[in-house]
Structure formats: structure tokens, C-alpha cells
Protein backbone atom coordinates (compact mmCIF):
# COMPACT_ATOMS: atom_id res chain seq x y z
CA MET A 1 76.05 108.90 96.98
CA GLN A 2 76.65 105.25 96.25
CA SER A 3 78.78 103.50 93.68
CA HIS A 4 80.87 100.38 93.53
CA LEU A 5 84.58 100.73 93.19
CA SER A 6 86.35 98.45 90.78
CA SER A 7 89.64 100.12 90.05
CA LEU A 8 92.66 99.56 87.91
CA LYS A 9 95.78 101.72 87.93
CA ASP A 10 94.81 103.55 84.72
CA LYS A 11 91.13 103.95 85.60
CA LYS A 12 89.60 106.97 87.23
CA ILE A 13 86.62 107.53 89.45
CA GLU A 14 84.60 110.72 88.98
CA LEU A 15 82.19 111.83 91.68
CA ILE A 16 80.06 114.95 92.04
CA SER A 17 79.79 116.62 95.43
CA SER A 18 77.00 119.12 96.01
CA SER A 19 78.11 120.27 99.46
CA GLU A 20 81.00 120.42 101.91
CA LYS A 21 79.32 117.56 103.80
CA GLU A 22 79.36 115.36 100.67
CA THR A 23 83.01 116.23 100.04
CA VAL A 24 83.82 115.10 103.60
CA SER A 25 81.86 111.89 102.95
CA ILE A 26 83.80 111.17 99.75
CA GLY A 27 87.07 111.66 101.64
CA GLU A 28 85.87 109.25 104.31
CA GLY A 29 85.03 106.75 101.57
CA LEU A 30 88.54 106.96 100.18
CA SER A 31 89.98 106.40 103.67
CA ARG A 32 88.56 102.86 103.59
CA LEU A 33 90.88 102.06 100.71
CA LEU A 34 94.05 103.54 102.17
CA LYS A 35 96.86 101.65 103.83
CA PRO A 36 99.85 102.86 105.83
CA GLY A 37 102.42 104.35 103.47
CA ASP A 38 99.85 105.64 100.97
CA ILE A 39 100.17 109.15 99.60
CA VAL A 40 97.14 111.14 98.48
CA ALA A 41 97.97 114.11 96.24
CA LEU A 42 95.28 116.80 96.15
CA VAL A 43 94.98 119.19 93.22
CA GLY A 44 92.52 122.06 92.86
CA ASP A 45 91.97 125.78 93.11
CA LEU A 46 91.60 127.64 96.40
CA GLY A 47 88.21 126.82 97.90
CA SER A 48 87.70 123.69 95.83
CA GLY A 49 87.33 121.34 98.83
CA LYS A 50 90.80 119.91 99.49
CA THR A 51 90.71 120.51 103.24
CA TYR A 52 87.10 119.25 103.58
CA PHE A 53 88.14 116.11 101.72
CA THR A 54 91.05 115.68 104.16
CA LYS A 55 88.60 116.06 107.08
CA GLY A 56 86.77 113.03 105.64
CA ILE A 57 89.95 110.98 105.39
CA ALA A 58 90.68 111.90 109.02
CA MET A 59 87.18 110.81 110.09
CA GLY A 60 87.84 107.42 108.52
CA PHE A 61 90.79 106.99 110.88
CA GLY A 62 88.86 108.07 113.97
CA ILE A 63 90.25 111.62 113.98
CA SER A 64 87.80 114.43 114.73
CA PRO A 65 87.26 116.51 111.59
CA ASP A 66 86.98 119.57 113.84
CA ILE A 67 90.73 119.55 114.50
CA VAL A 68 91.70 119.23 110.83
CA THR A 69 92.75 122.57 109.40
CA SER A 70 94.70 123.61 106.35
CA PRO A 71 98.40 123.63 107.22
CA SER A 72 99.06 126.67 104.99
CA PHE A 73 101.26 128.39 107.55
CA THR A 74 102.48 125.39 109.55
CA LEU A 75 103.31 123.38 106.38
CA VAL A 76 102.35 120.05 107.96
CA ASN A 77 99.83 118.92 110.55
CA GLU A 78 100.09 115.48 112.15
CA TYR A 79 97.02 113.74 113.52
CA GLU A 80 96.92 110.59 115.66
CA GLY A 81 94.22 108.07 114.84
CA LYS A 82 93.89 104.39 113.93
CA ILE A 83 96.46 105.30 111.29
CA LYS A 84 98.61 108.41 111.63
CA LEU A 85 97.68 111.16 109.16
CA PHE A 86 100.18 113.69 107.83
CA HIS A 87 98.57 116.71 106.11
CA ILE A 88 100.99 118.81 104.04
CA ASP A 89 100.25 122.09 102.26
CA ALA A 90 102.76 123.04 99.56
CA TYR A 91 100.97 126.23 98.49
CA ARG A 92 103.49 128.68 99.94
CA LEU A 93 106.61 126.61 99.28
CA GLU A 94 109.16 126.55 96.51
CA LYS A 95 110.55 123.16 95.53
CA GLU A 96 113.93 123.85 97.12
CA ASP A 97 112.29 124.85 100.43
CA PHE A 98 110.13 121.74 100.36
CA LEU A 99 113.21 119.56 100.01
CA LEU A 100 115.35 121.54 102.48
CA THR A 101 112.69 121.27 105.20
CA GLY A 102 112.59 117.50 104.70
CA LEU A 103 108.85 117.41 104.02
CA ASP A 104 109.46 114.78 101.34
CA GLU A 105 110.43 112.37 104.14
CA TYR A 106 106.73 112.13 105.04
CA PHE A 107 106.29 110.19 101.78
CA TYR A 108 108.08 107.29 103.45
CA GLU A 109 106.37 107.34 106.86
CA ASP A 110 104.16 104.54 108.14
CA GLY A 111 100.98 106.57 107.97
CA ILE A 112 98.87 108.29 105.34
CA THR A 113 100.28 111.44 103.76
CA VAL A 114 97.84 113.89 102.20
CA MET A 115 99.45 116.73 100.26
CA GLU A 116 97.56 119.79 99.04
CA TRP A 117 98.92 121.55 95.93
CA ALA A 118 100.75 118.37 94.95
CA ASP A 119 100.74 119.35 91.29
CA LYS A 120 103.47 121.92 91.96
CA TRP A 121 106.13 119.18 91.75
CA PRO A 122 104.60 115.87 90.71
CA GLU A 123 108.06 114.50 89.96
CA LEU A 124 108.80 114.41 93.72
CA LEU A 125 105.92 112.10 94.47
CA PRO A 126 106.29 108.31 94.37
CA GLU A 127 104.87 106.52 91.32
CA ASP A 128 102.07 104.86 93.30
CA THR A 129 100.62 108.16 94.58
CA ILE A 130 96.83 108.43 94.54
CA TRP A 131 95.78 111.65 92.78
CA VAL A 132 92.57 113.51 93.64
CA GLU A 133 91.56 116.46 91.48
CA PHE A 134 88.89 119.00 92.45
CA GLU A 135 87.03 121.05 89.86
CA ILE A 136 84.68 123.84 90.93
CA LEU A 137 81.43 123.49 88.96
CA ASP A 138 79.47 126.17 90.82
CA GLU A 139 79.28 127.74 94.27
CA ASN A 140 78.60 124.40 95.99
CA LYS A 141 79.16 121.70 93.39
CA ARG A 142 82.53 120.01 92.80
CA LYS A 143 83.73 117.30 90.46
CA ILE A 144 86.18 115.04 92.31
CA THR A 145 88.33 112.75 90.18
CA ILE A 146 90.38 110.01 91.81
CA ARG A 147 93.22 108.29 89.92
CA GLY A 148 95.93 105.81 90.84
CA LEU A 149 94.08 103.39 93.08
CA ARG A 150 95.76 99.99 93.21
CA ASP A 151 94.12 96.81 91.98
CA ASP A 152 93.79 95.64 95.58
CA ASN A 153 91.57 98.66 96.32
CA ASN A 154 88.47 96.94 95.03
CA ARG A 155 86.14 97.19 97.98
CA LYS A 156 83.00 99.28 98.19
CA ALA A 157 84.11 102.75 99.22
CA PHE A 158 81.73 105.42 97.99
């Protein structure tokens, strides 16, 4: 899967993944464009590939994908790598609980924050959040749409 990335704030990138392995690879590609402080908001149904995508981002920072799991019950997992990765799952949370637990403070950490189910409260996310949407096309195939990349993210990534 090869393409050249030339992005503007209002542009989107659409990619098709035919396997979990390709979804991981696309996540790793995005990791090359991320900088400390970036927030990646993941949106998609259960089983659409959000955690596999996060495994790819982790790989890009030298974190073993084998240790990356969905933080559904822990709410947030922190991984040490070249850049620290914070993986949040908002699936089981109400907005008030999210704020009371202080999970929004991760948006201002000096690492990369990846948040699954970010569409629950988009108003809480900073304006420069990178949005990644997952659409299930069939049992194995996913459409992955990336929006919100900055103009300085113009290197080859995918």
C-alpha cells in the first residue's frame, strides 16, 4: 500500500485495509507524521480496527504491538517508547466521568494521545486533533479516513 501524502487541514486521506496486518501498517505510517502533543481521535464500530491501528502507531515509536491492548476496562494504557503513547478508551465512560477522572489532561501531555470512541464528545478535543474514521466494508476490509493533518505533515507516510 503506497501513496504520497500531501495534506492540508481540510483534506482527507482515504485508505483501504484488507487485513489486520494492513491496518497495523497504516497506523505505523501515520506514526511517522506525529509529534509530541498530537492527539489522534479514533471513530468506528466495535471490531473496526481501532486497536490494531493503535498497535501500528505504537510500532512506529518502538513499542511492541504485542503489549498494546484495548484499555476498555483500564480506561488508559501508557506505553514507553521513543515518544510516550497514551491510549484512552472512552467507550464505557460518560462525559462527566471522563472529566472527573482527569483523562482530558492527557490531551496536554508531551506524548501522543490516541483516543478510541472520540466521537462521543468531540467538543472536548482540541481543534488540531487528527481524526481517523474506520468503516467496516466486509469481514476483513476497512475504509480508513484520516482528517486534520497539519500542513507540515507532508512527508511520505503510507
